[in-house]
Amino acid sequence: MKTARRKTEPVREFRGQALRWEWCDGVVELTLDHAPLNEIGTPMLGELEKFAAALSGLAAITSACIITSARPGGFCAGADLKELYYSALPLSPQKRAAGIRKFIGRIHGVANAIDAAPIVTIAAVHGLCMGGGLELALLCDLIVADKMARFGFPELRLGLIPGFGGIPRMRRDVGNSFIRDLLFTGRTVKAEAAQQAGLVTHLAGEGYALQVARSMALQITKFDAETRAAAKKFIKPIPRKELREEIALFCKLFDRPAVMDSLKRFVETEDPLKHLPVAPKS
C-alpha cells in the first residue's frame, strides 16, 4: 500500500549571511544584506539558489515578491569581481573556463526561476544598481526606483559584456539605443532618465522606494492568481535563445588574458568609486 506523500510546507522565513526573506499576507520580501554592496559571489549566489528553490512552494500562497536592499549604498554593485579574480587566478585556462561557465550557469538557473515565477516581482531600488545588480532588478516585473538611484552596465571596461542575462531581458522593456548607450559608454543614468527610457516603472521620493513597492504589492494581492499568472506568462516571455547566446559570448570573452589583467587592476585599486565607469579625460 502506497503511503501519501506529505506536502512540503513553504519556507516562509529565512535568514542567511547574504540575504533574508520573510512572508506576510501574500507578499514575500527578499532583502539583500551583504557588505559592502551586495556583490554576487558564492555566499549571495548560494542563498539566491535557496530562494529560487523556495519559490515553487511559496507561489501557491504568494501574490507578490519585493526584492530590496538593506545596504545604505544601494541595491547591488554586481558580481563579486574580487572573488571571481582570486578564484580564477591559480587555475589553468581550461579549468578557469569550466569554472566560469559553471558559475554563469548557476546564475542563469536562479534568474530564470525568479523571472518565470507566477507571482508579480517588484524591485525596490535605491543608490547604485550596477552590472549584475541591474540584471537582478531586470528579473522583476516592475522596478520602483528612489529618485537618487543610478543604473549602469560598466562591464565593457573589464573587456566583458553583462553575463547574467541583462541585455536580452532589458530588450523586453526598452529600445536598443538606450541599451547601446549604457553598454558602449559605461555611463550611469539617473532614475528619472531610466524611467523615461521605460526601464523604471515608478519613481519614488528619496528613501521611499520600498514603501511604494509595498503599496503596489498590497494592491496586487487583490487580484485573481490564475489570471495574474496567465497574464505574466503572456506579456513577459523569457528570451531563452538569446540568454544561451549571451552565456556563450560571455565565456568566450572571459577566456582571454586581457580580462584577467582588467580584473587585477580592479581588485587592486583602493578607489571607493571603482564600481563607477571611468570619466573621460578632458
C-alpha atoms as a PDB file:
ATOM      1  CA  MET A   1       0.000   0.000   0.000  1.00  0.00           C
ATOM      2  CA  LYS A   2       1.397   3.356  -1.020  1.00  0.00           C
ATOM      3  CA  THR A   3       1.690   5.991   1.653  1.00  0.00           C
ATOM      4  CA  ALA A   4       0.515   9.502   0.890  1.00  0.00           C
ATOM      5  CA  ARG A   5       3.359  11.940   0.269  1.00  0.00           C
ATOM      6  CA  ARG A   6       3.385  14.751   2.806  1.00  0.00           C
ATOM      7  CA  LYS A   7       3.025  18.162   1.297  1.00  0.00           C
ATOM      8  CA  THR A   8       6.107  20.271   1.954  1.00  0.00           C
ATOM      9  CA  GLU A   9       5.363  23.460   3.826  1.00  0.00           C
ATOM     10  CA  PRO A  10       6.508  26.669   2.104  1.00  0.00           C
ATOM     11  CA  VAL A  11       9.668  28.223   3.526  1.00  0.00           C
ATOM     12  CA  ARG A  12       8.136  31.466   4.763  1.00  0.00           C
ATOM     13  CA  GLU A  13      11.199  32.830   6.522  1.00  0.00           C
ATOM     14  CA  PHE A  14      14.944  32.572   6.047  1.00  0.00           C
ATOM     15  CA  ARG A  15      17.912  34.474   7.449  1.00  0.00           C
ATOM     16  CA  GLY A  16      21.296  33.852   5.880  1.00  0.00           C
ATOM     17  CA  GLN A  17      24.690  35.509   5.643  1.00  0.00           C
ATOM     18  CA  ALA A  18      23.935  37.455   2.468  1.00  0.00           C
ATOM     19  CA  LEU A  19      20.155  37.831   2.390  1.00  0.00           C
ATOM     20  CA  ARG A  20      16.919  37.127   4.190  1.00  0.00           C
ATOM     21  CA  TRP A  21      13.286  36.743   3.244  1.00  0.00           C
ATOM     22  CA  GLU A  22      10.007  36.913   5.096  1.00  0.00           C
ATOM     23  CA  TRP A  23       6.450  36.112   4.006  1.00  0.00           C
ATOM     24  CA  CYS A  24       3.423  38.017   5.300  1.00  0.00           C
ATOM     25  CA  ASP A  25      -0.155  38.229   3.989  1.00  0.00           C
ATOM     26  CA  GLY A  26       0.598  37.037   0.479  1.00  0.00           C
ATOM     27  CA  VAL A  27       3.795  39.037  -0.029  1.00  0.00           C
ATOM     28  CA  VAL A  28       7.355  37.761   0.318  1.00  0.00           C
ATOM     29  CA  GLU A  29      10.070  40.350   0.885  1.00  0.00           C
ATOM     30  CA  LEU A  30      13.615  39.376  -0.114  1.00  0.00           C
ATOM     31  CA  THR A  31      16.234  41.672   1.413  1.00  0.00           C
ATOM     32  CA  LEU A  32      19.832  41.657   0.172  1.00  0.00           C
ATOM     33  CA  ASP A  33      22.250  42.445   3.004  1.00  0.00           C
ATOM     34  CA  HIS A  34      25.851  41.551   2.252  1.00  0.00           C
ATOM     35  CA  ALA A  35      28.721  44.017   2.759  1.00  0.00           C
ATOM     36  CA  PRO A  36      29.932  46.052   1.099  1.00  0.00           C
ATOM     37  CA  LEU A  37      27.206  46.379  -1.566  1.00  0.00           C
ATOM     38  CA  ASN A  38      25.510  43.011  -2.101  1.00  0.00           C
ATOM     39  CA  GLU A  39      28.118  41.742  -4.558  1.00  0.00           C
ATOM     40  CA  ILE A  40      27.031  38.468  -6.144  1.00  0.00           C
ATOM     41  CA  GLY A  41      29.622  35.856  -5.271  1.00  0.00           C
ATOM     42  CA  THR A  42      29.489  32.414  -3.664  1.00  0.00           C
ATOM     43  CA  PRO A  43      27.596  33.441  -0.468  1.00  0.00           C
ATOM     44  CA  MET A  44      24.987  35.516  -2.279  1.00  0.00           C
ATOM     45  CA  LEU A  45      24.545  33.033  -5.127  1.00  0.00           C
ATOM     46  CA  GLY A  46      24.118  30.084  -2.750  1.00  0.00           C
ATOM     47  CA  GLU A  47      21.367  31.863  -0.845  1.00  0.00           C
ATOM     48  CA  LEU A  48      19.704  33.143  -4.018  1.00  0.00           C
ATOM     49  CA  GLU A  49      19.557  29.490  -5.101  1.00  0.00           C
ATOM     50  CA  LYS A  50      17.784  28.670  -1.841  1.00  0.00           C
ATOM     51  CA  PHE A  51      15.267  31.417  -2.525  1.00  0.00           C
ATOM     52  CA  ALA A  52      14.712  30.232  -6.097  1.00  0.00           C
ATOM     53  CA  ALA A  53      14.104  26.712  -4.797  1.00  0.00           C
ATOM     54  CA  ALA A  54      11.654  28.037  -2.185  1.00  0.00           C
ATOM     55  CA  LEU A  55       9.662  29.965  -4.810  1.00  0.00           C
ATOM     56  CA  SER A  56       7.845  26.868  -6.055  1.00  0.00           C
ATOM     57  CA  GLY A  57       6.415  26.279  -2.588  1.00  0.00           C
ATOM     58  CA  LEU A  58       5.729  29.953  -1.913  1.00  0.00           C
ATOM     59  CA  ALA A  59       3.952  30.565  -5.227  1.00  0.00           C
ATOM     60  CA  ALA A  60       0.731  28.881  -4.079  1.00  0.00           C
ATOM     61  CA  ILE A  61       0.316  31.304  -1.175  1.00  0.00           C
ATOM     62  CA  THR A  62       2.031  34.392  -2.620  1.00  0.00           C
ATOM     63  CA  SER A  63       0.813  37.203  -4.865  1.00  0.00           C
ATOM     64  CA  ALA A  64       3.887  39.433  -4.958  1.00  0.00           C
ATOM     65  CA  CYS A  65       7.587  39.425  -4.149  1.00  0.00           C
ATOM     66  CA  ILE A  66       9.634  42.519  -3.345  1.00  0.00           C
ATOM     67  CA  ILE A  67      13.412  42.439  -3.786  1.00  0.00           C
ATOM     68  CA  THR A  68      15.162  45.195  -1.869  1.00  0.00           C
ATOM     69  CA  SER A  69      18.464  46.029  -0.169  1.00  0.00           C
ATOM     70  CA  ALA A  70      19.391  46.829   3.413  1.00  0.00           C
ATOM     71  CA  ARG A  71      22.754  48.308   2.378  1.00  0.00           C
ATOM     72  CA  PRO A  72      22.814  52.128   2.550  1.00  0.00           C
ATOM     73  CA  GLY A  73      24.954  52.431  -0.598  1.00  0.00           C
ATOM     74  CA  GLY A  74      22.412  50.919  -2.926  1.00  0.00           C
ATOM     75  CA  PHE A  75      20.686  47.897  -4.387  1.00  0.00           C
ATOM     76  CA  CYS A  76      23.614  45.832  -5.703  1.00  0.00           C
ATOM     77  CA  ALA A  77      27.024  46.624  -7.202  1.00  0.00           C
ATOM     78  CA  GLY A  78      27.049  43.496  -9.366  1.00  0.00           C
ATOM     79  CA  ALA A  79      29.284  40.437  -9.447  1.00  0.00           C
ATOM     80  CA  ASP A  80      31.889  39.906  -6.726  1.00  0.00           C
ATOM     81  CA  LEU A  81      34.836  40.625  -9.008  1.00  0.00           C
ATOM     82  CA  LYS A  82      37.396  40.189  -6.255  1.00  0.00           C
ATOM     83  CA  GLU A  83      36.223  36.635  -5.580  1.00  0.00           C
ATOM     84  CA  LEU A  84      35.985  35.960  -9.297  1.00  0.00           C
ATOM     85  CA  TYR A  85      39.567  37.081  -9.860  1.00  0.00           C
ATOM     86  CA  TYR A  86      41.195  35.291  -6.933  1.00  0.00           C
ATOM     87  CA  SER A  87      39.303  32.049  -7.537  1.00  0.00           C
ATOM     88  CA  ALA A  88      40.277  32.039 -11.227  1.00  0.00           C
ATOM     89  CA  LEU A  89      43.913  33.176 -10.783  1.00  0.00           C
ATOM     90  CA  PRO A  90      45.527  29.843  -9.823  1.00  0.00           C
ATOM     91  CA  LEU A  91      43.589  27.785 -12.363  1.00  0.00           C
ATOM     92  CA  SER A  92      44.706  26.619 -15.771  1.00  0.00           C
ATOM     93  CA  PRO A  93      42.902  28.250 -18.722  1.00  0.00           C
ATOM     94  CA  GLN A  94      40.837  25.075 -19.210  1.00  0.00           C
ATOM     95  CA  LYS A  95      39.723  24.890 -15.570  1.00  0.00           C
ATOM     96  CA  ARG A  96      39.144  28.645 -15.497  1.00  0.00           C
ATOM     97  CA  ALA A  97      36.808  28.387 -18.494  1.00  0.00           C
ATOM     98  CA  ALA A  98      34.936  25.469 -16.929  1.00  0.00           C
ATOM     99  CA  GLY A  99      34.642  27.301 -13.621  1.00  0.00           C
ATOM    100  CA  ILE A 100      33.203  30.489 -15.096  1.00  0.00           C
ATOM    101  CA  ARG A 101      30.740  28.547 -17.247  1.00  0.00           C
ATOM    102  CA  LYS A 102      29.529  26.652 -14.174  1.00  0.00           C
ATOM    103  CA  PHE A 103      29.156  29.897 -12.181  1.00  0.00           C
ATOM    104  CA  ILE A 104      27.286  31.643 -15.003  1.00  0.00           C
ATOM    105  CA  GLY A 105      25.078  28.582 -15.427  1.00  0.00           C
ATOM    106  CA  ARG A 106      24.109  28.710 -11.762  1.00  0.00           C
ATOM    107  CA  ILE A 107      23.312  32.416 -12.014  1.00  0.00           C
ATOM    108  CA  HIS A 108      21.093  31.823 -15.027  1.00  0.00           C
ATOM    109  CA  GLY A 109      19.313  28.987 -13.224  1.00  0.00           C
ATOM    110  CA  VAL A 110      18.368  31.375 -10.404  1.00  0.00           C
ATOM    111  CA  ALA A 111      17.487  34.169 -12.823  1.00  0.00           C
ATOM    112  CA  ASN A 112      15.161  32.022 -14.915  1.00  0.00           C
ATOM    113  CA  ALA A 113      13.378  30.703 -11.809  1.00  0.00           C
ATOM    114  CA  ILE A 114      12.699  34.208 -10.495  1.00  0.00           C
ATOM    115  CA  ASP A 115      11.814  35.522 -13.958  1.00  0.00           C
ATOM    116  CA  ALA A 116       9.273  32.752 -14.580  1.00  0.00           C
ATOM    117  CA  ALA A 117       7.693  32.713 -11.109  1.00  0.00           C
ATOM    118  CA  PRO A 118       3.864  33.009 -11.412  1.00  0.00           C
ATOM    119  CA  ILE A 119       3.812  35.917  -8.964  1.00  0.00           C
ATOM    120  CA  VAL A 120       4.451  39.615  -9.529  1.00  0.00           C
ATOM    121  CA  THR A 121       8.014  40.598  -8.650  1.00  0.00           C
ATOM    122  CA  ILE A 122       8.976  44.156  -7.732  1.00  0.00           C
ATOM    123  CA  ALA A 123      12.499  45.563  -7.348  1.00  0.00           C
ATOM    124  CA  ALA A 124      12.713  48.424  -4.836  1.00  0.00           C
ATOM    125  CA  VAL A 125      15.926  50.193  -5.833  1.00  0.00           C
ATOM    126  CA  HIS A 126      17.961  52.920  -4.152  1.00  0.00           C
ATOM    127  CA  GLY A 127      21.541  54.067  -4.699  1.00  0.00           C
ATOM    128  CA  LEU A 128      23.756  52.099  -7.066  1.00  0.00           C
ATOM    129  CA  CYS A 129      22.248  49.387  -9.257  1.00  0.00           C
ATOM    130  CA  MET A 130      25.149  48.302 -11.431  1.00  0.00           C
ATOM    131  CA  GLY A 131      26.085  45.406 -13.685  1.00  0.00           C
ATOM    132  CA  GLY A 132      24.834  42.176 -12.152  1.00  0.00           C
ATOM    133  CA  GLY A 133      22.730  44.237  -9.756  1.00  0.00           C
ATOM    134  CA  LEU A 134      20.871  45.780 -12.672  1.00  0.00           C
ATOM    135  CA  GLU A 135      20.493  42.305 -14.143  1.00  0.00           C
ATOM    136  CA  LEU A 136      18.920  41.179 -10.858  1.00  0.00           C
ATOM    137  CA  ALA A 137      16.473  44.094 -10.956  1.00  0.00           C
ATOM    138  CA  LEU A 138      15.625  43.246 -14.583  1.00  0.00           C
ATOM    139  CA  LEU A 139      14.280  39.871 -13.454  1.00  0.00           C
ATOM    140  CA  CYS A 140      11.450  41.728 -11.774  1.00  0.00           C
ATOM    141  CA  ASP A 141       8.176  42.604 -13.441  1.00  0.00           C
ATOM    142  CA  LEU A 142       8.255  46.120 -12.002  1.00  0.00           C
ATOM    143  CA  ILE A 143      11.084  48.398 -10.870  1.00  0.00           C
ATOM    144  CA  VAL A 144      10.401  51.100  -8.291  1.00  0.00           C
ATOM    145  CA  ALA A 145      13.365  53.465  -8.015  1.00  0.00           C
ATOM    146  CA  ASP A 146      14.296  56.079  -5.461  1.00  0.00           C
ATOM    147  CA  LYS A 147      14.887  59.314  -7.384  1.00  0.00           C
ATOM    148  CA  MET A 148      18.575  59.167  -6.342  1.00  0.00           C
ATOM    149  CA  ALA A 149      19.106  55.656  -7.785  1.00  0.00           C
ATOM    150  CA  ARG A 150      21.641  55.168 -10.575  1.00  0.00           C
ATOM    151  CA  PHE A 151      21.757  52.393 -13.155  1.00  0.00           C
ATOM    152  CA  GLY A 152      24.596  51.191 -15.361  1.00  0.00           C
ATOM    153  CA  PHE A 153      26.352  48.418 -17.265  1.00  0.00           C
ATOM    154  CA  PRO A 154      30.109  49.045 -16.729  1.00  0.00           C
ATOM    155  CA  GLU A 155      31.214  45.588 -17.950  1.00  0.00           C
ATOM    156  CA  LEU A 156      32.968  46.758 -21.128  1.00  0.00           C
ATOM    157  CA  ARG A 157      35.668  48.430 -19.028  1.00  0.00           C
ATOM    158  CA  LEU A 158      36.662  44.888 -17.989  1.00  0.00           C
ATOM    159  CA  GLY A 159      36.547  43.530 -21.530  1.00  0.00           C
ATOM    160  CA  LEU A 160      33.241  41.740 -20.909  1.00  0.00           C
ATOM    161  CA  ILE A 161      29.538  42.051 -21.593  1.00  0.00           C
ATOM    162  CA  PRO A 162      26.813  41.634 -18.966  1.00  0.00           C
ATOM    163  CA  GLY A 163      26.672  37.904 -18.285  1.00  0.00           C
ATOM    164  CA  PHE A 164      23.669  37.374 -16.025  1.00  0.00           C
ATOM    165  CA  GLY A 165      21.048  37.874 -18.744  1.00  0.00           C
ATOM    166  CA  GLY A 166      20.965  41.661 -18.756  1.00  0.00           C
ATOM    167  CA  ILE A 167      20.893  42.542 -22.448  1.00  0.00           C
ATOM    168  CA  PRO A 168      18.184  40.058 -23.562  1.00  0.00           C
ATOM    169  CA  ARG A 169      15.996  40.960 -20.587  1.00  0.00           C
ATOM    170  CA  MET A 170      16.442  44.707 -20.993  1.00  0.00           C
ATOM    171  CA  ARG A 171      15.366  44.357 -24.626  1.00  0.00           C
ATOM    172  CA  ARG A 172      11.926  43.328 -23.380  1.00  0.00           C
ATOM    173  CA  ASP A 173      11.427  46.725 -21.802  1.00  0.00           C
ATOM    174  CA  VAL A 174      13.481  49.392 -23.583  1.00  0.00           C
ATOM    175  CA  GLY A 175      14.822  50.305 -27.002  1.00  0.00           C
ATOM    176  CA  ASN A 176      18.160  49.153 -28.354  1.00  0.00           C
ATOM    177  CA  SER A 177      19.517  52.699 -28.477  1.00  0.00           C
ATOM    178  CA  PHE A 178      19.222  53.030 -24.688  1.00  0.00           C
ATOM    179  CA  ILE A 179      20.939  49.669 -24.185  1.00  0.00           C
ATOM    180  CA  ARG A 180      23.767  50.625 -26.546  1.00  0.00           C
ATOM    181  CA  ASP A 181      24.213  53.899 -24.672  1.00  0.00           C
ATOM    182  CA  LEU A 182      24.589  52.118 -21.311  1.00  0.00           C
ATOM    183  CA  LEU A 183      26.792  49.398 -22.735  1.00  0.00           C
ATOM    184  CA  PHE A 184      29.132  51.313 -25.058  1.00  0.00           C
ATOM    185  CA  THR A 185      29.686  54.396 -22.871  1.00  0.00           C
ATOM    186  CA  GLY A 186      29.639  52.644 -19.486  1.00  0.00           C
ATOM    187  CA  ARG A 187      27.889  55.690 -18.071  1.00  0.00           C
ATOM    188  CA  THR A 188      25.345  55.573 -15.286  1.00  0.00           C
ATOM    189  CA  VAL A 189      21.877  57.036 -15.704  1.00  0.00           C
ATOM    190  CA  LYS A 190      19.719  58.587 -13.029  1.00  0.00           C
ATOM    191  CA  ALA A 191      16.372  57.124 -12.078  1.00  0.00           C
ATOM    192  CA  GLU A 192      14.414  59.789 -13.948  1.00  0.00           C
ATOM    193  CA  ALA A 193      16.213  59.039 -17.231  1.00  0.00           C
ATOM    194  CA  ALA A 194      15.743  55.321 -16.628  1.00  0.00           C
ATOM    195  CA  GLN A 195      12.012  55.894 -16.169  1.00  0.00           C
ATOM    196  CA  GLN A 196      11.814  57.932 -19.378  1.00  0.00           C
ATOM    197  CA  ALA A 197      13.510  55.060 -21.225  1.00  0.00           C
ATOM    198  CA  GLY A 198      10.983  52.556 -19.857  1.00  0.00           C
ATOM    199  CA  LEU A 199      13.352  50.740 -17.503  1.00  0.00           C
ATOM    200  CA  VAL A 200      11.894  52.099 -14.264  1.00  0.00           C
ATOM    201  CA  THR A 201       8.175  51.625 -13.674  1.00  0.00           C
ATOM    202  CA  HIS A 202       7.659  54.051 -10.812  1.00  0.00           C
ATOM    203  CA  LEU A 203       9.773  56.904  -9.479  1.00  0.00           C
ATOM    204  CA  ALA A 204       9.695  57.331  -5.698  1.00  0.00           C
ATOM    205  CA  GLY A 205      10.904  60.099  -3.449  1.00  0.00           C
ATOM    206  CA  GLU A 206      14.286  59.708  -1.816  1.00  0.00           C
ATOM    207  CA  GLY A 207      14.074  56.915   0.748  1.00  0.00           C
ATOM    208  CA  TYR A 208      10.551  55.834  -0.286  1.00  0.00           C
ATOM    209  CA  ALA A 209      11.136  53.109  -2.909  1.00  0.00           C
ATOM    210  CA  LEU A 210      10.393  50.250  -0.527  1.00  0.00           C
ATOM    211  CA  GLN A 211       7.277  51.958   0.834  1.00  0.00           C
ATOM    212  CA  VAL A 212       5.924  52.450  -2.698  1.00  0.00           C
ATOM    213  CA  ALA A 213       6.761  48.838  -3.596  1.00  0.00           C
ATOM    214  CA  ARG A 214       4.873  47.603  -0.536  1.00  0.00           C
ATOM    215  CA  SER A 215       1.794  49.621  -1.518  1.00  0.00           C
ATOM    216  CA  MET A 216       1.931  48.132  -5.020  1.00  0.00           C
ATOM    217  CA  ALA A 217       2.305  44.618  -3.625  1.00  0.00           C
ATOM    218  CA  LEU A 218      -0.751  45.120  -1.413  1.00  0.00           C
ATOM    219  CA  GLN A 219      -2.802  46.113  -4.460  1.00  0.00           C
ATOM    220  CA  ILE A 220      -1.575  43.041  -6.360  1.00  0.00           C
ATOM    221  CA  THR A 221      -2.846  40.688  -3.614  1.00  0.00           C
ATOM    222  CA  LYS A 222      -6.416  41.682  -4.532  1.00  0.00           C
ATOM    223  CA  PHE A 223      -6.304  40.070  -7.985  1.00  0.00           C
ATOM    224  CA  ASP A 224      -7.059  36.525  -9.119  1.00  0.00           C
ATOM    225  CA  ALA A 225      -3.961  34.315  -9.008  1.00  0.00           C
ATOM    226  CA  GLU A 226      -4.673  32.278 -12.144  1.00  0.00           C
ATOM    227  CA  THR A 227      -5.354  35.365 -14.253  1.00  0.00           C
ATOM    228  CA  ARG A 228      -2.243  37.078 -12.920  1.00  0.00           C
ATOM    229  CA  ALA A 229      -0.021  34.088 -13.748  1.00  0.00           C
ATOM    230  CA  ALA A 230      -1.508  33.745 -17.249  1.00  0.00           C
ATOM    231  CA  ALA A 231      -1.055  37.460 -17.949  1.00  0.00           C
ATOM    232  CA  LYS A 232       2.559  37.389 -16.801  1.00  0.00           C
ATOM    233  CA  LYS A 233       3.415  34.370 -18.929  1.00  0.00           C
ATOM    234  CA  PHE A 234       1.814  36.043 -21.953  1.00  0.00           C
ATOM    235  CA  ILE A 235       3.331  39.504 -21.581  1.00  0.00           C
ATOM    236  CA  LYS A 236       6.786  38.579 -20.267  1.00  0.00           C
ATOM    237  CA  PRO A 237       8.309  35.688 -22.260  1.00  0.00           C
ATOM    238  CA  ILE A 238      11.796  34.564 -21.262  1.00  0.00           C
ATOM    239  CA  PRO A 239      14.261  35.102 -24.162  1.00  0.00           C
ATOM    240  CA  ARG A 240      15.913  31.712 -23.700  1.00  0.00           C
ATOM    241  CA  LYS A 241      17.697  31.571 -27.088  1.00  0.00           C
ATOM    242  CA  GLU A 242      19.317  34.979 -26.566  1.00  0.00           C
ATOM    243  CA  LEU A 243      20.251  34.047 -22.999  1.00  0.00           C
ATOM    244  CA  ARG A 244      22.107  30.965 -24.232  1.00  0.00           C
ATOM    245  CA  GLU A 245      23.892  33.100 -26.828  1.00  0.00           C
ATOM    246  CA  GLU A 246      24.863  35.590 -24.123  1.00  0.00           C
ATOM    247  CA  ILE A 247      26.373  32.825 -21.955  1.00  0.00           C
ATOM    248  CA  ALA A 248      28.470  31.584 -24.876  1.00  0.00           C
ATOM    249  CA  LEU A 249      29.713  35.094 -25.735  1.00  0.00           C
ATOM    250  CA  PHE A 250      30.462  35.999 -22.115  1.00  0.00           C
ATOM    251  CA  CYS A 251      32.501  32.814 -21.597  1.00  0.00           C
ATOM    252  CA  LYS A 252      34.379  33.366 -24.869  1.00  0.00           C
ATOM    253  CA  LEU A 253      35.305  36.919 -23.854  1.00  0.00           C
ATOM    254  CA  PHE A 254      36.232  35.878 -20.318  1.00  0.00           C
ATOM    255  CA  ASP A 255      38.702  33.327 -21.665  1.00  0.00           C
ATOM    256  CA  ARG A 256      41.272  35.990 -22.575  1.00  0.00           C
ATOM    257  CA  PRO A 257      44.356  37.291 -20.694  1.00  0.00           C
ATOM    258  CA  ALA A 258      43.122  40.868 -21.140  1.00  0.00           C
ATOM    259  CA  VAL A 259      40.144  40.163 -18.870  1.00  0.00           C
ATOM    260  CA  MET A 260      42.319  38.811 -16.063  1.00  0.00           C
ATOM    261  CA  ASP A 261      44.521  41.907 -16.401  1.00  0.00           C
ATOM    262  CA  SER A 262      41.467  44.147 -16.107  1.00  0.00           C
ATOM    263  CA  LEU A 263      40.190  42.233 -13.078  1.00  0.00           C
ATOM    264  CA  LYS A 264      43.614  42.538 -11.473  1.00  0.00           C
ATOM    265  CA  ARG A 265      43.571  46.321 -11.852  1.00  0.00           C
ATOM    266  CA  PHE A 266      40.023  46.451 -10.495  1.00  0.00           C
ATOM    267  CA  VAL A 267      40.660  44.431  -7.329  1.00  0.00           C
ATOM    268  CA  GLU A 268      43.953  46.207  -6.553  1.00  0.00           C
ATOM    269  CA  THR A 269      42.611  49.753  -6.730  1.00  0.00           C
ATOM    270  CA  GLU A 270      41.612  51.463  -3.490  1.00  0.00           C
ATOM    271  CA  ASP A 271      39.256  53.851  -5.258  1.00  0.00           C
ATOM    272  CA  PRO A 272      35.942  53.800  -3.314  1.00  0.00           C
ATOM    273  CA  LEU A 273      34.090  54.650  -6.540  1.00  0.00           C
ATOM    274  CA  LYS A 274      35.634  51.869  -8.606  1.00  0.00           C
ATOM    275  CA  HIS A 275      32.198  50.470  -9.395  1.00  0.00           C
ATOM    276  CA  LEU A 276      31.504  53.578 -11.451  1.00  0.00           C
ATOM    277  CA  PRO A 277      32.761  53.991 -15.019  1.00  0.00           C
ATOM    278  CA  VAL A 278      35.969  55.942 -15.522  1.00  0.00           C
ATOM    279  CA  ALA A 279      35.292  59.528 -16.561  1.00  0.00           C
ATOM    280  CA  PRO A 280      36.874  60.531 -19.890  1.00  0.00           C
ATOM    281  CA  LYS A 281      39.924  62.754 -19.665  1.00  0.00           C
ATOM    282  CA  SER A 282      39.391  66.356 -20.774  1.00  0.00           C
END
